[in-house]
Amino acid sequence: MDVEPFVGRYDRTLDAKGRVILPVRLRGFFESSGYLAPHEDGCIALWTDGEFGLEADRQHAREAEGQGARHEVREWFSHVSRVELDSQGRMAIPVDLRSHAELESDVLFVGVHDRVELWSKHRWDHREDGES
């Protein structure tokens, strides 16, 4: 990784158009765009262009595992979205990804080394309580 790892947590709120403001401390890593994709445990991952390329390669390599893995890889790539940041640092989160993460209002950004995860506050709280 060429840049420092992502760390920290930041509370934000979705607006009526399904947009959320990327925390100021994270904006410099993304310039004006990034990639959103469904991720493990019901969150959304946000990658920089460079880190997304590495993740895309990891996903693509899974195709060699057989037909089931190829279907999973196709499904994953079909939900990936390149997002643009506007002048205020807002990005629109596609409906299918909001649904995947159960994002309705409160959004928690969590730095996890090579990516930023977006969590619904409700799901994050249940994760910490050990609930599924």
Protein backbone atom coordinates (compact mmCIF):
# COMPACT_ATOMS: atom_id res chain seq x y z
CA MET A 1 0.00 0.00 0.00
CA ASP A 2 1.52 3.33 -1.08
CA VAL A 3 -0.48 5.48 1.35
CA GLU A 4 -1.14 5.27 5.05
CA PRO A 5 -3.83 2.79 6.10
CA PHE A 6 -7.42 3.89 6.62
CA VAL A 7 -8.31 4.16 10.30
CA GLY A 8 -10.99 5.75 12.48
CA ARG A 9 -14.75 6.02 12.46
CA TYR A 10 -16.98 8.86 11.35
CA ASP A 11 -20.73 9.35 11.71
CA ARG A 12 -22.66 10.79 8.78
CA THR A 13 -26.25 10.95 7.52
CA LEU A 14 -27.75 10.10 4.13
CA ASP A 15 -29.63 12.96 2.51
CA ALA A 16 -33.02 12.60 0.79
CA LYS A 17 -31.26 11.81 -2.54
CA GLY A 18 -29.24 8.91 -1.09
CA ARG A 19 -26.01 10.91 -0.89
CA VAL A 20 -23.56 10.99 1.97
CA ILE A 21 -20.66 13.35 2.68
CA LEU A 22 -17.27 11.65 2.74
CA PRO A 23 -15.42 12.71 5.91
CA VAL A 24 -12.84 15.43 5.28
CA ARG A 25 -10.01 13.28 6.68
CA LEU A 26 -10.69 10.67 3.98
CA ARG A 27 -11.30 12.90 0.94
CA GLY A 28 -7.66 13.41 0.06
CA PHE A 29 -7.23 9.69 -0.56
CA PHE A 30 -10.04 9.59 -3.10
CA GLU A 31 -9.39 12.75 -5.12
CA SER A 32 -12.75 12.94 -6.92
CA SER A 33 -13.86 9.31 -7.21
CA GLY A 34 -13.75 5.80 -5.80
CA TYR A 35 -15.42 2.41 -6.06
CA LEU A 36 -18.27 1.12 -3.91
CA ALA A 37 -19.03 -2.59 -3.66
CA PRO A 38 -20.98 -4.94 -1.42
CA HIS A 39 -18.74 -6.33 1.27
CA GLU A 40 -18.72 -8.92 4.00
CA ASP A 41 -20.99 -8.83 7.04
CA GLY A 42 -23.51 -6.51 5.37
CA CYS A 43 -21.44 -3.40 4.82
CA ILE A 44 -20.31 -1.52 1.71
CA ALA A 45 -16.63 -1.14 0.90
CA LEU A 46 -15.21 2.05 -0.59
CA TRP A 47 -11.87 1.68 -2.37
CA THR A 48 -9.52 4.15 -3.98
CA ASP A 49 -8.85 3.52 -7.67
CA GLY A 50 -5.55 1.77 -6.91
CA GLU A 51 -6.86 -0.42 -4.10
CA PHE A 52 -9.93 -1.33 -6.12
CA GLY A 53 -7.67 -2.63 -8.88
CA LEU A 54 -6.05 -4.99 -6.38
CA GLU A 55 -9.43 -6.13 -5.03
CA ALA A 56 -10.77 -6.65 -8.56
CA ASP A 57 -7.74 -8.86 -9.30
CA ARG A 58 -8.39 -10.90 -6.12
CA GLN A 59 -12.04 -11.35 -7.09
CA HIS A 60 -11.17 -12.28 -10.67
CA ALA A 61 -8.65 -14.91 -9.48
CA ARG A 62 -11.49 -16.67 -7.62
CA GLU A 63 -13.02 -17.71 -10.96
CA ALA A 64 -10.54 -20.59 -11.12
CA GLU A 65 -12.32 -22.17 -8.11
CA GLY A 66 -15.20 -23.36 -10.29
CA GLN A 67 -18.66 -22.48 -11.51
CA GLY A 68 -20.05 -21.42 -8.10
CA ALA A 69 -17.18 -19.01 -7.58
CA ARG A 70 -17.62 -17.62 -11.10
CA HIS A 71 -21.28 -16.88 -10.35
CA GLU A 72 -20.30 -15.12 -7.10
CA VAL A 73 -17.66 -13.07 -8.93
CA ARG A 74 -20.14 -12.05 -11.62
CA GLU A 75 -22.68 -11.07 -8.97
CA TRP A 76 -20.09 -9.04 -7.07
CA PHE A 77 -18.89 -7.13 -10.15
CA SER A 78 -22.50 -6.45 -11.20
CA HIS A 79 -23.01 -4.47 -7.97
CA VAL A 80 -19.75 -2.48 -8.09
CA SER A 81 -20.27 1.21 -8.70
CA ARG A 82 -17.76 3.91 -9.56
CA VAL A 83 -18.76 6.98 -7.57
CA GLU A 84 -17.89 10.61 -8.15
CA LEU A 85 -17.50 13.13 -5.34
CA ASP A 86 -19.11 16.51 -5.90
CA SER A 87 -17.55 19.81 -4.80
CA GLN A 88 -18.97 19.33 -1.28
CA GLY A 89 -17.51 15.81 -0.95
CA ARG A 90 -20.88 14.09 -1.40
CA MET A 91 -21.29 10.78 -3.19
CA ALA A 92 -24.48 9.05 -4.22
CA ILE A 93 -24.87 5.50 -2.95
CA PRO A 94 -26.80 3.32 -5.43
CA VAL A 95 -30.09 1.87 -4.21
CA ASP A 96 -28.93 -1.77 -4.45
CA LEU A 97 -25.92 -1.05 -2.23
CA ARG A 98 -28.01 0.92 0.26
CA SER A 99 -30.32 -2.08 0.44
CA HIS A 100 -27.41 -4.51 0.90
CA ALA A 101 -26.13 -2.51 3.88
CA GLU A 102 -29.58 -1.50 5.20
CA LEU A 103 -28.59 2.17 4.97
CA GLU A 104 -31.58 4.34 5.72
CA SER A 105 -30.30 7.40 7.55
CA ASP A 106 -27.25 7.08 9.77
CA VAL A 107 -24.04 5.96 8.06
CA LEU A 108 -20.88 5.01 9.89
CA PHE A 109 -17.60 5.24 7.95
CA VAL A 110 -14.95 2.86 9.35
CA GLY A 111 -11.33 2.81 8.16
CA VAL A 112 -10.10 -0.77 7.67
CA HIS A 113 -6.53 -0.60 6.37
CA ASP A 114 -6.97 -0.78 2.55
CA ARG A 115 -10.62 0.30 2.38
CA VAL A 116 -13.30 2.31 4.08
CA GLU A 117 -16.43 0.44 5.12
CA LEU A 118 -19.88 2.05 5.24
CA TRP A 119 -22.19 0.59 7.87
CA SER A 120 -25.71 1.28 9.00
CA LYS A 121 -25.54 2.41 12.62
CA HIS A 122 -28.04 -0.30 13.56
CA ARG A 123 -26.01 -3.10 11.94
CA TRP A 124 -22.75 -1.82 13.44
CA ASP A 125 -24.26 -1.71 16.92
CA HIS A 126 -25.52 -5.29 16.59
CA ARG A 127 -22.12 -6.40 15.33
CA GLU A 128 -20.52 -4.99 18.46
CA ASP A 129 -23.13 -6.73 20.63
CA GLY A 130 -22.26 -10.07 19.02
CA GLU A 131 -25.66 -10.35 17.35
CA SER A 132 -26.06 -11.37 13.72
